[in-house]
């Protein structure tokens, strides 16, 4: 029953996604070989989808409904841009490369610091600024955005407008690339 309640509240849903991200970082670090590659593919996808959904649903609400919302969002977008750039570099690297794990560790630290900032400076204020119905409608919108989001990082598209303009094309390209990788046995 807790899962159903979580899905009806955008903040709880976002917090659960942050937990999923932490768990996937652990899985990638502990695995090796093909298992690490498969876990990393899932991590890349989750991070890309999660950030795009936040950019399309959460940040617009924060900009207009949270005190100093514009500054809060701009700080989060700067963090996201940096993380997307690192993720993009790692996404093009073999997970057996000796530089991969140090890069993953740096990414993890950046992503976790970003998640803490979202939780502290954005999510808490969303909960205070939105009633139950709005939290539920935002959760629905977040899940819809996740379903259509690109599955790989695209640095420079950190806004709802850019995601709507470029995101659909990127999502089609990403999902095609994912299907090809899977068909070729390169994805877990």
Protein backbone atom coordinates (compact mmCIF):
# COMPACT_ATOMS: atom_id res chain seq x y z
CA UNK A 1 0.00 0.00 0.00
CA UNK A 2 2.93 2.37 0.63
CA UNK A 3 3.91 2.20 -3.06
CA UNK A 4 0.47 3.41 -4.12
CA UNK A 5 0.60 6.35 -1.68
CA UNK A 6 4.12 7.21 -2.85
CA UNK A 7 3.00 7.27 -6.48
CA UNK A 8 0.27 9.78 -5.63
CA UNK A 9 2.72 12.35 -4.22
CA UNK A 10 5.38 13.87 -6.50
CA UNK A 11 7.80 14.53 -3.63
CA UNK A 12 7.61 10.95 -2.35
CA UNK A 13 7.99 9.69 -5.93
CA UNK A 14 11.07 11.86 -6.46
CA UNK A 15 12.58 10.74 -3.16
CA UNK A 16 12.05 7.12 -4.18
CA UNK A 17 13.79 7.80 -7.51
CA UNK A 18 16.74 9.26 -5.59
CA UNK A 19 16.91 6.02 -3.59
CA UNK A 20 16.79 3.99 -6.82
CA UNK A 21 19.69 6.06 -8.18
CA UNK A 22 21.76 5.48 -5.01
CA UNK A 23 21.08 1.74 -5.25
CA UNK A 24 22.09 1.61 -8.91
CA UNK A 25 25.37 3.41 -8.18
CA UNK A 26 26.07 0.69 -5.59
CA UNK A 27 25.19 -2.03 -8.09
CA UNK A 28 27.48 -0.61 -10.80
CA UNK A 29 30.38 -0.25 -8.36
CA UNK A 30 30.06 -3.79 -6.99
CA UNK A 31 29.50 -5.57 -10.32
CA UNK A 32 32.06 -6.45 -12.96
CA UNK A 33 32.19 -7.27 -16.63
CA UNK A 34 28.84 -7.63 -18.39
CA UNK A 35 26.88 -7.17 -15.15
CA UNK A 36 28.55 -3.79 -14.62
CA UNK A 37 27.79 -2.74 -18.21
CA UNK A 38 24.13 -3.71 -17.82
CA UNK A 39 23.82 -1.94 -14.45
CA UNK A 40 25.49 1.16 -15.85
CA UNK A 41 23.08 1.22 -18.83
CA UNK A 42 20.20 1.16 -16.33
CA UNK A 43 21.84 3.96 -14.31
CA UNK A 44 22.38 6.13 -17.40
CA UNK A 45 18.77 5.64 -18.41
CA UNK A 46 17.39 6.37 -14.93
CA UNK A 47 19.49 9.52 -14.51
CA UNK A 48 18.62 10.87 -17.96
CA UNK A 49 14.90 10.14 -17.59
CA UNK A 50 14.76 11.46 -14.02
CA UNK A 51 16.47 14.77 -14.79
CA UNK A 52 14.37 15.39 -17.89
CA UNK A 53 11.16 14.71 -15.96
CA UNK A 54 12.25 17.12 -13.22
CA UNK A 55 13.08 19.77 -15.81
CA UNK A 56 9.65 19.43 -17.40
CA UNK A 57 7.44 19.07 -14.31
CA UNK A 58 9.18 20.06 -11.08
CA UNK A 59 11.28 23.07 -12.04
CA UNK A 60 8.43 25.01 -13.73
CA UNK A 61 6.35 24.64 -10.56
CA UNK A 62 9.30 25.70 -8.40
CA UNK A 63 9.96 28.79 -10.54
CA UNK A 64 6.42 30.10 -10.06
CA UNK A 65 5.32 28.73 -6.69
CA UNK A 66 8.34 28.57 -4.38
CA UNK A 67 9.98 31.60 -2.73
CA UNK A 68 13.10 32.53 -4.77
CA UNK A 69 12.09 29.72 -7.11
CA UNK A 70 13.98 31.12 -10.08
CA UNK A 71 17.28 31.12 -8.16
CA UNK A 72 16.60 27.65 -6.73
CA UNK A 73 15.98 26.23 -10.21
CA UNK A 74 18.96 27.95 -11.81
CA UNK A 75 21.27 26.47 -9.15
CA UNK A 76 19.81 22.98 -9.73
CA UNK A 77 20.14 23.35 -13.52
CA UNK A 78 23.83 24.27 -13.19
CA UNK A 79 24.37 21.11 -11.11
CA UNK A 80 22.43 19.02 -13.64
CA UNK A 81 24.44 20.40 -16.56
CA UNK A 82 27.73 19.40 -14.90
CA UNK A 83 26.44 15.93 -14.05
CA UNK A 84 25.11 15.42 -17.59
CA UNK A 85 28.50 16.29 -19.04
CA UNK A 86 30.29 13.78 -16.79
CA UNK A 87 27.60 11.16 -17.44
CA UNK A 88 27.89 11.73 -21.18
CA UNK A 89 31.66 11.11 -21.03
CA UNK A 90 31.17 7.96 -18.97
CA UNK A 91 28.39 6.79 -21.29
CA UNK A 92 30.92 6.70 -24.14
CA UNK A 93 33.51 4.79 -22.08
CA UNK A 94 33.90 1.05 -21.60
CA UNK A 95 33.04 0.10 -18.02
CA UNK A 96 36.29 -1.96 -17.88
CA UNK A 97 38.38 1.14 -18.65
CA UNK A 98 40.64 1.95 -15.65
CA UNK A 99 39.28 5.54 -15.71
CA UNK A 100 35.68 4.38 -15.43
CA UNK A 101 35.37 3.73 -11.67
CA UNK A 102 37.13 6.98 -10.63
CA UNK A 103 34.83 8.85 -13.05
CA UNK A 104 31.82 7.01 -11.67
CA UNK A 105 32.84 7.93 -8.12
CA UNK A 106 33.11 11.61 -9.08
CA UNK A 107 29.71 11.42 -10.79
CA UNK A 108 28.19 9.75 -7.75
CA UNK A 109 29.41 12.52 -5.45
CA UNK A 110 28.03 15.21 -7.79
CA UNK A 111 24.68 13.44 -8.25
CA UNK A 112 24.24 12.83 -4.51
CA UNK A 113 25.11 16.45 -3.68
CA UNK A 114 22.60 17.55 -6.33
CA UNK A 115 19.92 15.22 -4.89
CA UNK A 116 20.50 16.60 -1.37
CA UNK A 117 20.16 20.15 -2.73
CA UNK A 118 16.91 19.27 -4.50
CA UNK A 119 15.53 17.65 -1.37
CA UNK A 120 16.56 20.58 0.83
CA UNK A 121 15.92 23.60 -1.39
CA UNK A 122 13.21 22.43 -3.75
CA UNK A 123 11.21 19.39 -2.63
CA UNK A 124 10.50 20.67 0.89
CA UNK A 125 9.11 23.90 -0.56
CA UNK A 126 7.05 22.06 -3.17
CA UNK A 127 5.37 20.10 -0.41
CA UNK A 128 4.67 23.34 1.48
CA UNK A 129 3.40 25.16 -1.62
CA UNK A 130 1.18 22.48 -3.16
CA UNK A 131 -1.97 20.86 -1.87
CA UNK A 132 -2.58 17.11 -2.05
CA UNK A 133 -4.34 17.31 -5.42
CA UNK A 134 -1.48 19.31 -6.96
CA UNK A 135 1.12 16.88 -5.57
CA UNK A 136 -0.87 14.02 -7.12
CA UNK A 137 -1.26 15.72 -10.51
CA UNK A 138 2.45 16.50 -10.56
CA UNK A 139 3.23 12.83 -9.80
CA UNK A 140 1.08 11.81 -12.77
CA UNK A 141 2.80 14.38 -14.98
CA UNK A 142 6.23 13.24 -13.77
CA UNK A 143 5.49 9.61 -14.69
CA UNK A 144 4.26 10.74 -18.13
CA UNK A 145 7.41 12.81 -18.67
CA UNK A 146 9.57 9.83 -17.63
CA UNK A 147 7.80 7.62 -20.16
CA UNK A 148 8.70 9.98 -23.01
CA UNK A 149 12.10 11.27 -21.87
CA UNK A 150 15.42 10.69 -23.62
CA UNK A 151 17.31 7.73 -22.16
CA UNK A 152 20.81 9.24 -22.44
CA UNK A 153 22.22 12.52 -21.18
CA UNK A 154 21.97 15.56 -23.45
CA UNK A 155 23.92 18.41 -21.83
CA UNK A 156 22.51 21.80 -22.74
CA UNK A 157 18.82 20.83 -22.72
CA UNK A 158 18.16 21.71 -19.08
CA UNK A 159 14.84 23.49 -19.50
CA UNK A 160 11.26 22.53 -20.13
CA UNK A 161 11.22 24.47 -23.42
CA UNK A 162 14.39 22.79 -24.74
CA UNK A 163 13.17 19.39 -23.58
CA UNK A 164 9.90 19.89 -25.43
CA UNK A 165 11.67 21.13 -28.56
CA UNK A 166 14.62 18.73 -28.66
CA UNK A 167 13.57 16.05 -26.19
CA UNK A 168 11.19 14.16 -28.44
CA UNK A 169 13.80 13.80 -31.18
CA UNK A 170 16.47 12.85 -28.63
CA UNK A 171 14.09 10.35 -27.02
CA UNK A 172 13.37 8.65 -30.35
CA UNK A 173 17.08 8.48 -31.17
CA UNK A 174 17.97 7.23 -27.67
CA UNK A 175 15.24 4.60 -27.61
CA UNK A 176 16.27 3.40 -31.08
CA UNK A 177 19.91 3.18 -29.95
CA UNK A 178 18.80 1.27 -26.84
CA UNK A 179 16.79 -1.20 -28.95
CA UNK A 180 19.74 -1.76 -31.30
CA UNK A 181 22.11 -2.31 -28.36
CA UNK A 182 19.70 -4.78 -26.82
CA UNK A 183 19.20 -6.63 -30.11
CA UNK A 184 22.97 -6.90 -30.50
CA UNK A 185 23.32 -8.25 -26.94
CA UNK A 186 25.14 -5.15 -25.71
CA UNK A 187 22.59 -4.10 -23.12
CA UNK A 188 21.24 -5.85 -20.05
